[in-house]
Each structure stands twice: as C-alpha cells, then as structure tokens.
C-alpha cells in the first residue's frame, strides 16, 4: 500500500510513488556501487584461487622432481657400494676384483667377478679402468633405475708404495633416454697400500 503523503507518478504504465530524495529522471549516486563492489570482490577471489592453484602445481612438480632425484641418488649409491664391495674382495688371489694393470688375468677377473653383484654389463675393462652398468632392481624392467660405474686404479699414486682407486658412479632414475631422466653422481677416492 502506497504512502498517502507521496504523490503518485505513472512510469511505464504502472503507478509508483515518487522518491522525494531524488530529482525526477536522475539516478541516485550510490546505485552502481554494489555492482562494482561485487565485481571487484569476485575478481579478487578468482585471482587468489588461481594463485593457490599455481602454487599447488609447482609444489607437485617439485615433489615429483625430488622423488626422481632421490631414486637417481640411490641408484648411484648402490653402484658405488657394489664397486666398493668388489674392490675389497680378493677374488682369484688378486688384490681386488678390478684390474690395476694390463695383465690378462686381472682384466678377465674384472669382467667375470663384477657380474655377481647384480645384473651387470661390463662395457670395458682395460689396464686400469673398469666400467660397468649396474641395474638396481632385477625385475627385468629396462626403464628402472640404473647406474654407470667407472673404477680407475692407479698404482704408484700418490707415492710408489700406494695405489689410488677412484670409483665414480652415475645413477639414473630411468635407464632409457627419456626427457624425465634425472642423473645424480657420487665419487669416491681411496688410497691404499700396495
């Protein structure tokens, strides 16, 4: 029911009361403020939501990268431990399972004994360098973690009565040439009496 004190006005075919605070035909100054405020608040909420989503994606990428890096590090560590174990064994009456000279018995020993560590393929065994690839798991998965290990023995270094052994192990989270491959390396230098 309309207020009796306000004059009636016909707008668009219906009777309405005239607002005494506004002039005829002019908009009130606060009419668009609610719309502007709601658009600003919703825009702010969308920006905050997108920022949180972006941070979440980056955290997932970092956690995946850290996991793959850890797998590669463990592969390198396993290869290094395998090489250290066979370096300390006296296989076939030799000082080490790895060749330290060009004698054929030492080279043959390096090719055969290392294969007992795990699924190992000896790439080369020369006079003082032995390289092999070490598969971390024996499940037959060609894309599993692996390590390439290089053992270099230098007799007479740093002095005549000592021998320096350098073991370098490069672990990979995936053995193929995938773009997701992560590689980590470990190096051990050991000086022993001859």
Protein backbone atom coordinates (compact mmCIF):
# COMPACT_ATOMS: atom_id res chain seq x y z
CA UNK A 1 0.00 0.00 0.00
CA UNK A 2 1.38 3.38 -1.03
CA UNK A 3 2.11 6.16 1.41
CA UNK A 4 -0.69 8.76 1.26
CA UNK A 5 1.69 11.67 1.62
CA UNK A 6 3.72 10.82 -1.51
CA UNK A 7 2.36 11.86 -4.89
CA UNK A 8 1.74 9.04 -7.40
CA UNK A 9 3.51 9.02 -10.70
CA UNK A 10 2.87 6.89 -13.78
CA UNK A 11 6.02 5.13 -15.07
CA UNK A 12 5.75 2.64 -17.90
CA UNK A 13 2.04 2.09 -17.39
CA UNK A 14 2.08 1.47 -13.63
CA UNK A 15 1.64 3.77 -10.72
CA UNK A 16 4.58 4.27 -8.37
CA UNK A 17 5.40 6.65 -5.60
CA UNK A 18 7.88 9.37 -6.28
CA UNK A 19 11.01 9.28 -4.12
CA UNK A 20 11.36 12.71 -2.58
CA UNK A 21 15.14 12.42 -2.25
CA UNK A 22 15.83 12.13 -5.97
CA UNK A 23 15.07 14.56 -8.75
CA UNK A 24 12.80 13.42 -11.48
CA UNK A 25 14.69 11.37 -14.07
CA UNK A 26 18.16 11.39 -12.38
CA UNK A 27 19.89 8.32 -10.92
CA UNK A 28 20.85 8.11 -7.30
CA UNK A 29 24.62 8.46 -6.74
CA UNK A 30 25.02 5.09 -4.86
CA UNK A 31 23.06 2.89 -7.27
CA UNK A 32 26.08 1.17 -9.08
CA UNK A 33 28.30 0.83 -6.03
CA UNK A 34 27.01 -2.64 -5.05
CA UNK A 35 27.60 -3.98 -8.57
CA UNK A 36 31.12 -2.53 -8.75
CA UNK A 37 31.97 -3.83 -5.29
CA UNK A 38 30.72 -7.36 -6.09
CA UNK A 39 32.73 -7.46 -9.35
CA UNK A 40 35.89 -6.35 -7.53
CA UNK A 41 35.44 -8.91 -4.74
CA UNK A 42 34.74 -11.76 -7.18
CA UNK A 43 37.78 -10.76 -9.30
CA UNK A 44 39.94 -10.75 -6.19
CA UNK A 45 38.68 -14.21 -5.21
CA UNK A 46 39.40 -15.56 -8.72
CA UNK A 47 42.97 -14.19 -8.60
CA UNK A 48 43.55 -15.71 -5.16
CA UNK A 49 42.15 -19.06 -6.35
CA UNK A 50 44.37 -19.09 -9.44
CA UNK A 51 47.41 -18.21 -7.32
CA UNK A 52 46.72 -21.11 -4.95
CA UNK A 53 46.25 -23.45 -7.93
CA UNK A 54 49.57 -22.28 -9.43
CA UNK A 55 51.40 -22.83 -6.13
CA UNK A 56 49.87 -26.31 -5.86
CA UNK A 57 51.06 -27.25 -9.35
CA UNK A 58 54.58 -26.03 -8.59
CA UNK A 59 54.66 -28.00 -5.33
CA UNK A 60 53.62 -31.15 -7.19
CA UNK A 61 56.37 -30.59 -9.75
CA UNK A 62 58.96 -30.07 -7.01
CA UNK A 63 57.86 -33.15 -5.07
CA UNK A 64 57.98 -35.31 -8.21
CA UNK A 65 61.41 -33.94 -9.06
CA UNK A 66 62.65 -34.62 -5.53
CA UNK A 67 61.38 -38.21 -5.66
CA UNK A 68 63.07 -38.85 -9.02
CA UNK A 69 66.28 -37.22 -7.77
CA UNK A 70 66.23 -39.46 -4.70
CA UNK A 71 65.77 -42.55 -6.90
CA UNK A 72 68.76 -41.50 -9.05
CA UNK A 73 70.87 -40.85 -5.94
CA UNK A 74 70.04 -44.29 -4.50
CA UNK A 75 70.95 -45.89 -7.84
CA UNK A 76 74.33 -44.09 -7.78
CA UNK A 77 74.86 -45.12 -4.17
CA UNK A 78 74.03 -48.77 -4.97
CA UNK A 79 76.51 -48.78 -7.85
CA UNK A 80 79.20 -47.24 -5.64
CA UNK A 81 78.56 -49.77 -2.85
CA UNK A 82 78.72 -52.65 -5.33
CA UNK A 83 82.05 -51.40 -6.67
CA UNK A 84 83.43 -50.86 -3.15
CA UNK A 85 82.41 -54.38 -2.17
CA UNK A 86 84.15 -55.97 -5.14
CA UNK A 87 87.17 -53.71 -4.75
CA UNK A 88 87.68 -55.04 -1.22
CA UNK A 89 87.22 -58.71 -2.19
CA UNK A 90 90.28 -60.73 -3.00
CA UNK A 91 88.89 -62.58 -5.99
CA UNK A 92 91.06 -65.22 -7.66
CA UNK A 93 94.01 -64.45 -5.37
CA UNK A 94 94.22 -60.85 -6.62
CA UNK A 95 94.24 -57.70 -4.51
CA UNK A 96 90.93 -56.57 -5.98
CA UNK A 97 88.26 -57.72 -8.39
CA UNK A 98 89.17 -54.79 -10.65
CA UNK A 99 92.12 -54.65 -12.99
CA UNK A 100 95.02 -52.43 -11.95
CA UNK A 101 97.49 -53.47 -14.66
CA UNK A 102 97.32 -54.77 -18.20
CA UNK A 103 97.76 -58.39 -17.04
CA UNK A 104 95.14 -60.55 -18.76
CA UNK A 105 94.22 -62.43 -15.56
CA UNK A 106 93.28 -59.16 -13.85
CA UNK A 107 91.21 -58.00 -16.83
CA UNK A 108 89.40 -61.37 -17.04
CA UNK A 109 88.74 -61.22 -13.30
CA UNK A 110 87.24 -57.75 -13.64
CA UNK A 111 84.92 -58.98 -16.40
CA UNK A 112 83.69 -62.04 -14.52
CA UNK A 113 83.52 -61.19 -10.82
CA UNK A 114 81.55 -57.97 -11.16
CA UNK A 115 78.67 -59.83 -12.80
CA UNK A 116 77.90 -61.43 -9.43
CA UNK A 117 76.90 -58.07 -7.91
CA UNK A 118 73.63 -57.84 -9.85
CA UNK A 119 72.55 -57.59 -13.46
CA UNK A 120 75.77 -56.01 -14.71
CA UNK A 121 77.10 -55.47 -18.21
CA UNK A 122 80.82 -54.73 -18.36
CA UNK A 123 81.36 -52.08 -21.01
CA UNK A 124 85.13 -52.22 -20.97
CA UNK A 125 87.93 -53.46 -18.79
CA UNK A 126 91.28 -52.01 -19.78
CA UNK A 127 94.60 -51.94 -18.00
CA UNK A 128 93.48 -49.78 -15.09
CA UNK A 129 89.88 -48.81 -15.90
CA UNK A 130 86.77 -50.91 -15.49
CA UNK A 131 83.35 -49.60 -16.50
CA UNK A 132 80.07 -51.39 -15.91
CA UNK A 133 76.36 -50.70 -15.85
CA UNK A 134 74.50 -51.70 -12.72
CA UNK A 135 70.73 -52.35 -12.69
CA UNK A 136 69.28 -51.54 -9.29
CA UNK A 137 66.35 -53.94 -9.42
CA UNK A 138 66.45 -57.32 -11.06
CA UNK A 139 62.81 -57.26 -12.21
CA UNK A 140 63.68 -57.11 -15.90
CA UNK A 141 62.33 -53.57 -16.21
CA UNK A 142 64.55 -51.86 -18.76
CA UNK A 143 63.29 -48.45 -17.64
CA UNK A 144 64.10 -48.95 -13.97
CA UNK A 145 66.87 -47.16 -12.10
CA UNK A 146 70.46 -47.96 -13.03
CA UNK A 147 73.99 -46.72 -12.50
CA UNK A 148 77.04 -46.50 -14.71
CA UNK A 149 80.13 -47.16 -12.64
CA UNK A 150 83.73 -46.45 -13.58
CA UNK A 151 86.62 -47.78 -11.50
CA UNK A 152 90.10 -46.39 -12.19
CA UNK A 153 93.09 -47.88 -10.35
CA UNK A 154 96.39 -46.04 -10.46
CA UNK A 155 99.32 -47.99 -8.96
CA UNK A 156 102.18 -45.87 -7.60
CA UNK A 157 99.98 -42.87 -6.85
CA UNK A 158 100.35 -40.66 -4.79
CA UNK A 159 103.58 -42.41 -3.76
CA UNK A 160 105.37 -45.52 -5.05
CA UNK A 161 104.10 -47.85 -2.31
CA UNK A 162 100.44 -46.71 -2.58
CA UNK A 163 97.58 -47.14 -5.05
CA UNK A 164 94.76 -44.70 -5.74
CA UNK A 165 91.35 -46.09 -6.64
CA UNK A 166 88.72 -43.70 -7.97
CA UNK A 167 85.16 -45.03 -8.18
CA UNK A 168 82.66 -42.83 -9.99
CA UNK A 169 79.01 -43.87 -10.05
CA UNK A 170 76.33 -42.02 -12.03
CA UNK A 171 72.82 -43.12 -11.08
CA UNK A 172 69.74 -42.52 -13.22
CA UNK A 173 66.10 -42.79 -12.23
CA UNK A 174 65.25 -44.16 -15.72
CA UNK A 175 67.74 -46.07 -17.86
CA UNK A 176 66.38 -45.02 -21.25
CA UNK A 177 66.79 -41.63 -22.94
CA UNK A 178 63.55 -40.18 -21.61
CA UNK A 179 63.22 -36.45 -21.07
CA UNK A 180 62.17 -37.24 -17.50
CA UNK A 181 65.55 -38.82 -16.71
CA UNK A 182 67.36 -37.46 -13.66
CA UNK A 183 71.04 -38.23 -13.06
CA UNK A 184 72.99 -37.97 -9.82
CA UNK A 185 76.63 -38.88 -9.28
CA UNK A 186 78.90 -40.00 -6.47
CA UNK A 187 82.67 -40.23 -6.48
CA UNK A 188 84.94 -41.99 -4.01
CA UNK A 189 88.73 -41.75 -3.94
CA UNK A 190 90.54 -44.45 -1.95
CA UNK A 191 94.29 -44.58 -1.30
CA UNK A 192 95.61 -47.97 -0.16
CA UNK A 193 98.97 -49.65 0.43
CA UNK A 194 100.15 -51.88 -2.43
